[in-house]
Amino acid sequence: MIEQYKTLFEPTQPIEIKEKNSRFISQCFPVSTKEEAEETVKKLWKEHYDCTHICFAYLLGEGEVTTFRYSDDGEPSGTAGLPIYNEILRKELFNVLVTSVRYYGGIKLGTGGLTRTYGASARAALDSCEVETVVIKKELKINIPFDFTGIAMSYIGRFEGLEIKSTTYTETGSSVTVRIPIASVEKFIAEMVEKTGGKIIPKS
């Protein structure tokens, strides 16, 4: 079971490298959806409206890859997006977008040169990023009868790593939605059942 993953704490500042008069400006962004990633690329095009290419790669997931994409944006196939993506894999990051903006300098780099330079550009940005570890959590719904409110809420309040997402009140008690570290879910359910004599069974 995967219990945590690494991602970016915040976007990085642009980092520029030069190769045979071409400028490569790379940057990393934390993203959680493909729409967010592609919207970020669109914003870069507005900022760098006169650039030659904006190549990128993103990888989404929480400890396991659920979605990924890389783009050469008109560069020879496999020379830009894939090297950027490989650098993300090297860093073992998730929910991240890496971009490399190129301003052509008039001298062709060849496929080998492009592959090396886009890889180096992505590496420079990724090596500058601040990484955070995210604990994977699971959402549970807990229906609490009035008679067990004190016992249940006391246990919920002191369970390590638990977040209360929402609370709604019903005619018979309350319904509390919580997020719990995935590694602790079985323990939480078992102890809640034990403390309430089986009257409360948290469900996903």
Protein backbone atom coordinates (compact mmCIF):
# COMPACT_ATOMS: atom_id res chain seq x y z
CA MET A 1 0.00 0.00 0.00
CA ILE A 2 1.33 3.41 -0.97
CA GLU A 3 0.95 5.70 2.03
CA GLN A 4 2.58 8.93 0.83
CA TYR A 5 4.09 10.66 -2.18
CA LYS A 6 6.33 13.61 -3.03
CA THR A 7 5.20 16.73 -4.85
CA LEU A 8 6.12 20.41 -5.18
CA PHE A 9 5.57 22.76 -2.27
CA GLU A 10 5.16 25.73 -4.63
CA PRO A 11 6.01 26.79 -8.22
CA THR A 12 9.69 27.36 -8.93
CA GLN A 13 11.21 30.53 -10.27
CA PRO A 14 12.13 30.45 -13.99
CA ILE A 15 15.63 29.13 -14.67
CA GLU A 16 17.41 29.92 -17.93
CA ILE A 17 20.16 28.01 -19.69
CA LYS A 18 21.70 28.78 -23.07
CA GLU A 19 22.89 26.45 -25.81
CA LYS A 20 24.30 27.79 -29.10
CA ASN A 21 22.43 31.09 -28.77
CA SER A 22 19.09 29.40 -27.98
CA ARG A 23 17.52 30.26 -24.63
CA PHE A 24 15.70 27.60 -22.63
CA ILE A 25 13.61 28.87 -19.71
CA SER A 26 12.27 26.12 -17.46
CA GLN A 27 9.84 26.12 -14.57
CA CYS A 28 7.95 23.63 -12.36
CA PHE A 29 4.35 23.92 -11.16
CA PRO A 30 2.27 21.86 -8.71
CA VAL A 31 -0.93 20.74 -10.50
CA SER A 32 -3.71 18.31 -9.63
CA THR A 33 -5.62 17.99 -12.94
CA LYS A 34 -4.76 17.92 -16.63
CA GLU A 35 -6.97 20.97 -17.12
CA GLU A 36 -4.89 22.90 -14.59
CA ALA A 37 -1.67 21.79 -16.28
CA GLU A 38 -2.79 22.77 -19.76
CA GLU A 39 -4.20 26.09 -18.56
CA THR A 40 -0.79 26.86 -17.07
CA VAL A 41 0.83 26.20 -20.44
CA LYS A 42 -1.68 28.55 -22.10
CA LYS A 43 -0.76 31.29 -19.64
CA LEU A 44 2.92 30.79 -20.47
CA TRP A 45 2.12 31.30 -24.16
CA LYS A 46 0.59 34.67 -23.29
CA GLU A 47 3.70 35.59 -21.33
CA HIS A 48 6.14 34.27 -23.95
CA TYR A 49 4.08 35.13 -27.04
CA ASP A 50 7.22 35.55 -29.18
CA CYS A 51 8.98 32.30 -28.21
CA THR A 52 9.64 29.44 -30.63
CA HIS A 53 8.40 26.48 -28.58
CA ILE A 54 6.92 25.67 -25.20
CA CYS A 55 7.59 22.01 -24.48
CA PHE A 56 6.28 20.36 -21.34
CA ALA A 57 5.45 17.23 -19.42
CA TYR A 58 3.12 16.54 -16.54
CA LEU A 59 2.49 13.57 -14.29
CA LEU A 60 -0.59 13.22 -12.10
CA GLY A 61 -1.38 10.80 -9.32
CA GLU A 62 -0.97 10.14 -5.62
CA GLY A 63 1.92 7.69 -5.43
CA GLU A 64 0.77 5.95 -8.61
CA VAL A 65 0.64 7.45 -12.10
CA THR A 66 -2.97 8.08 -13.14
CA THR A 67 -2.39 10.53 -16.02
CA PHE A 68 0.63 11.82 -17.86
CA ARG A 69 1.38 13.75 -21.02
CA TYR A 70 4.41 15.23 -22.72
CA SER A 71 4.63 17.54 -25.72
CA ASP A 72 7.43 18.34 -28.17
CA ASP A 73 5.47 21.34 -29.49
CA GLY A 74 6.89 21.03 -32.99
CA GLU A 75 10.41 19.97 -32.05
CA PRO A 76 11.55 16.65 -33.58
CA SER A 77 9.63 13.76 -32.04
CA GLY A 78 11.02 12.56 -28.73
CA THR A 79 13.57 15.37 -28.31
CA ALA A 80 11.76 17.63 -25.84
CA GLY A 81 8.68 16.37 -23.99
CA LEU A 82 10.06 12.90 -23.28
CA PRO A 83 13.38 14.11 -21.80
CA ILE A 84 11.39 16.47 -19.57
CA TYR A 85 9.09 13.63 -18.50
CA ASN A 86 12.07 11.39 -17.74
CA GLU A 87 13.43 14.04 -15.40
CA ILE A 88 10.13 14.07 -13.50
CA LEU A 89 10.41 10.29 -13.13
CA ARG A 90 14.01 10.65 -11.95
CA LYS A 91 12.86 13.03 -9.22
CA GLU A 92 9.96 10.68 -8.29
CA LEU A 93 7.43 13.51 -8.12
CA PHE A 94 3.66 13.43 -8.60
CA ASN A 95 1.11 16.11 -9.49
CA VAL A 96 3.73 18.20 -11.23
CA LEU A 97 4.09 20.11 -14.51
CA VAL A 98 7.50 21.01 -15.95
CA THR A 99 7.78 23.46 -18.85
CA SER A 100 10.67 24.58 -21.02
CA VAL A 101 10.27 27.70 -23.16
CA ARG A 102 12.67 27.94 -26.10
CA TYR A 103 13.76 31.06 -27.92
CA TYR A 104 15.57 29.90 -31.05
CA GLY A 105 19.01 31.41 -31.46
CA GLY A 106 19.62 30.70 -35.13
CA ILE A 107 21.79 27.59 -34.77
CA LYS A 108 20.26 24.11 -35.04
CA LEU A 109 21.13 21.76 -32.18
CA GLY A 110 20.30 18.45 -33.85
CA THR A 111 18.20 15.74 -32.23
CA GLY A 112 20.90 14.71 -29.77
CA GLY A 113 21.57 18.28 -28.76
CA LEU A 114 17.89 19.02 -28.29
CA THR A 115 17.37 15.91 -26.17
CA ARG A 116 20.30 16.77 -23.92
CA THR A 117 19.38 20.43 -23.59
CA TYR A 118 15.68 19.93 -22.85
CA GLY A 119 16.64 17.29 -20.29
CA ALA A 120 19.17 19.65 -18.71
CA SER A 121 16.64 22.47 -18.70
CA ALA A 122 14.06 20.35 -16.87
CA ARG A 123 16.69 19.02 -14.46
CA ALA A 124 17.77 22.54 -13.53
CA ALA A 125 14.21 23.51 -12.65
CA LEU A 126 13.47 20.30 -10.76
CA ASP A 127 16.69 20.48 -8.78
CA SER A 128 15.71 23.96 -7.60
CA CYS A 129 12.26 22.97 -6.35
CA GLU A 130 11.16 22.59 -2.74
CA VAL A 131 9.64 19.15 -2.26
CA GLU A 132 6.96 18.22 0.26
CA THR A 133 5.72 14.80 1.30
CA VAL A 134 1.94 14.33 1.19
CA VAL A 135 0.27 11.66 3.31
CA ILE A 136 -2.44 9.87 1.31
CA LYS A 137 -5.79 10.03 3.09
CA LYS A 138 -9.10 8.23 2.70
CA GLU A 139 -12.52 9.78 3.25
CA LEU A 140 -14.91 8.11 5.68
CA LYS A 141 -18.49 8.95 6.64
CA ILE A 142 -19.55 8.43 10.25
CA ASN A 143 -23.20 8.44 11.31
CA ILE A 144 -23.29 9.26 15.03
CA PRO A 145 -26.46 8.73 17.13
CA PHE A 146 -27.08 11.37 19.80
CA ASP A 147 -26.28 8.94 22.64
CA PHE A 148 -22.78 8.33 21.27
CA THR A 149 -21.84 11.89 20.34
CA GLY A 150 -19.49 12.39 23.29
CA ILE A 151 -17.62 9.09 22.85
CA ALA A 152 -17.34 9.39 19.07
CA MET A 153 -16.31 13.05 18.91
CA SER A 154 -13.76 12.58 21.68
CA TYR A 155 -12.13 9.75 19.72
CA ILE A 156 -12.30 11.69 16.45
CA GLY A 157 -10.76 14.75 18.07
CA ARG A 158 -7.64 12.96 19.29
CA PHE A 159 -7.03 10.59 16.37
CA GLU A 160 -3.66 11.50 14.84
CA GLY A 161 -3.72 12.90 11.30
CA LEU A 162 -7.53 13.03 11.08
CA GLU A 163 -9.23 15.98 9.38
CA ILE A 164 -12.92 16.76 9.82
CA LYS A 165 -14.21 17.68 6.38
CA SER A 166 -17.87 18.37 7.18
CA THR A 167 -20.57 17.88 9.80
CA THR A 168 -24.32 17.77 9.19
CA TYR A 169 -27.05 17.28 11.75
CA THR A 170 -29.97 14.88 11.44
CA GLU A 171 -33.05 13.98 13.48
CA THR A 172 -31.16 11.12 15.11
CA GLY A 173 -27.73 12.65 15.55
CA SER A 174 -25.04 13.83 13.19
CA SER A 175 -23.12 12.76 10.10
CA VAL A 176 -19.41 13.56 10.11
CA THR A 177 -17.14 13.19 7.08
CA VAL A 178 -13.45 12.80 7.90
CA ARG A 179 -10.18 12.22 6.06
CA ILE A 180 -7.74 9.77 7.64
CA PRO A 181 -4.22 8.65 6.68
CA ILE A 182 -4.78 5.55 4.58
CA ALA A 183 -2.42 3.52 6.75
CA SER A 184 -4.63 4.19 9.81
CA VAL A 185 -8.08 3.49 8.34
CA GLU A 186 -8.45 -0.09 9.59
CA LYS A 187 -7.34 0.88 13.09
CA PHE A 188 -9.76 3.81 13.21
CA ILE A 189 -12.75 1.74 12.10
CA ALA A 190 -11.97 -1.14 14.46
CA GLU A 191 -11.52 1.13 17.49
CA MET A 192 -14.64 3.18 16.73
CA VAL A 193 -16.71 -0.02 16.48
CA GLU A 194 -15.21 -1.29 19.74
CA LYS A 195 -15.75 1.97 21.66
CA THR A 196 -19.40 2.20 20.59
CA GLY A 197 -20.31 -1.46 20.89
CA GLY A 198 -20.88 -1.71 17.15
CA LYS A 199 -23.35 1.20 17.08
CA ILE A 200 -21.06 3.28 14.84
CA ILE A 201 -19.37 1.76 11.80
CA PRO A 202 -17.46 4.33 9.68
CA LYS A 203 -17.90 3.72 5.95
CA SER A 204 -16.07 4.90 2.85
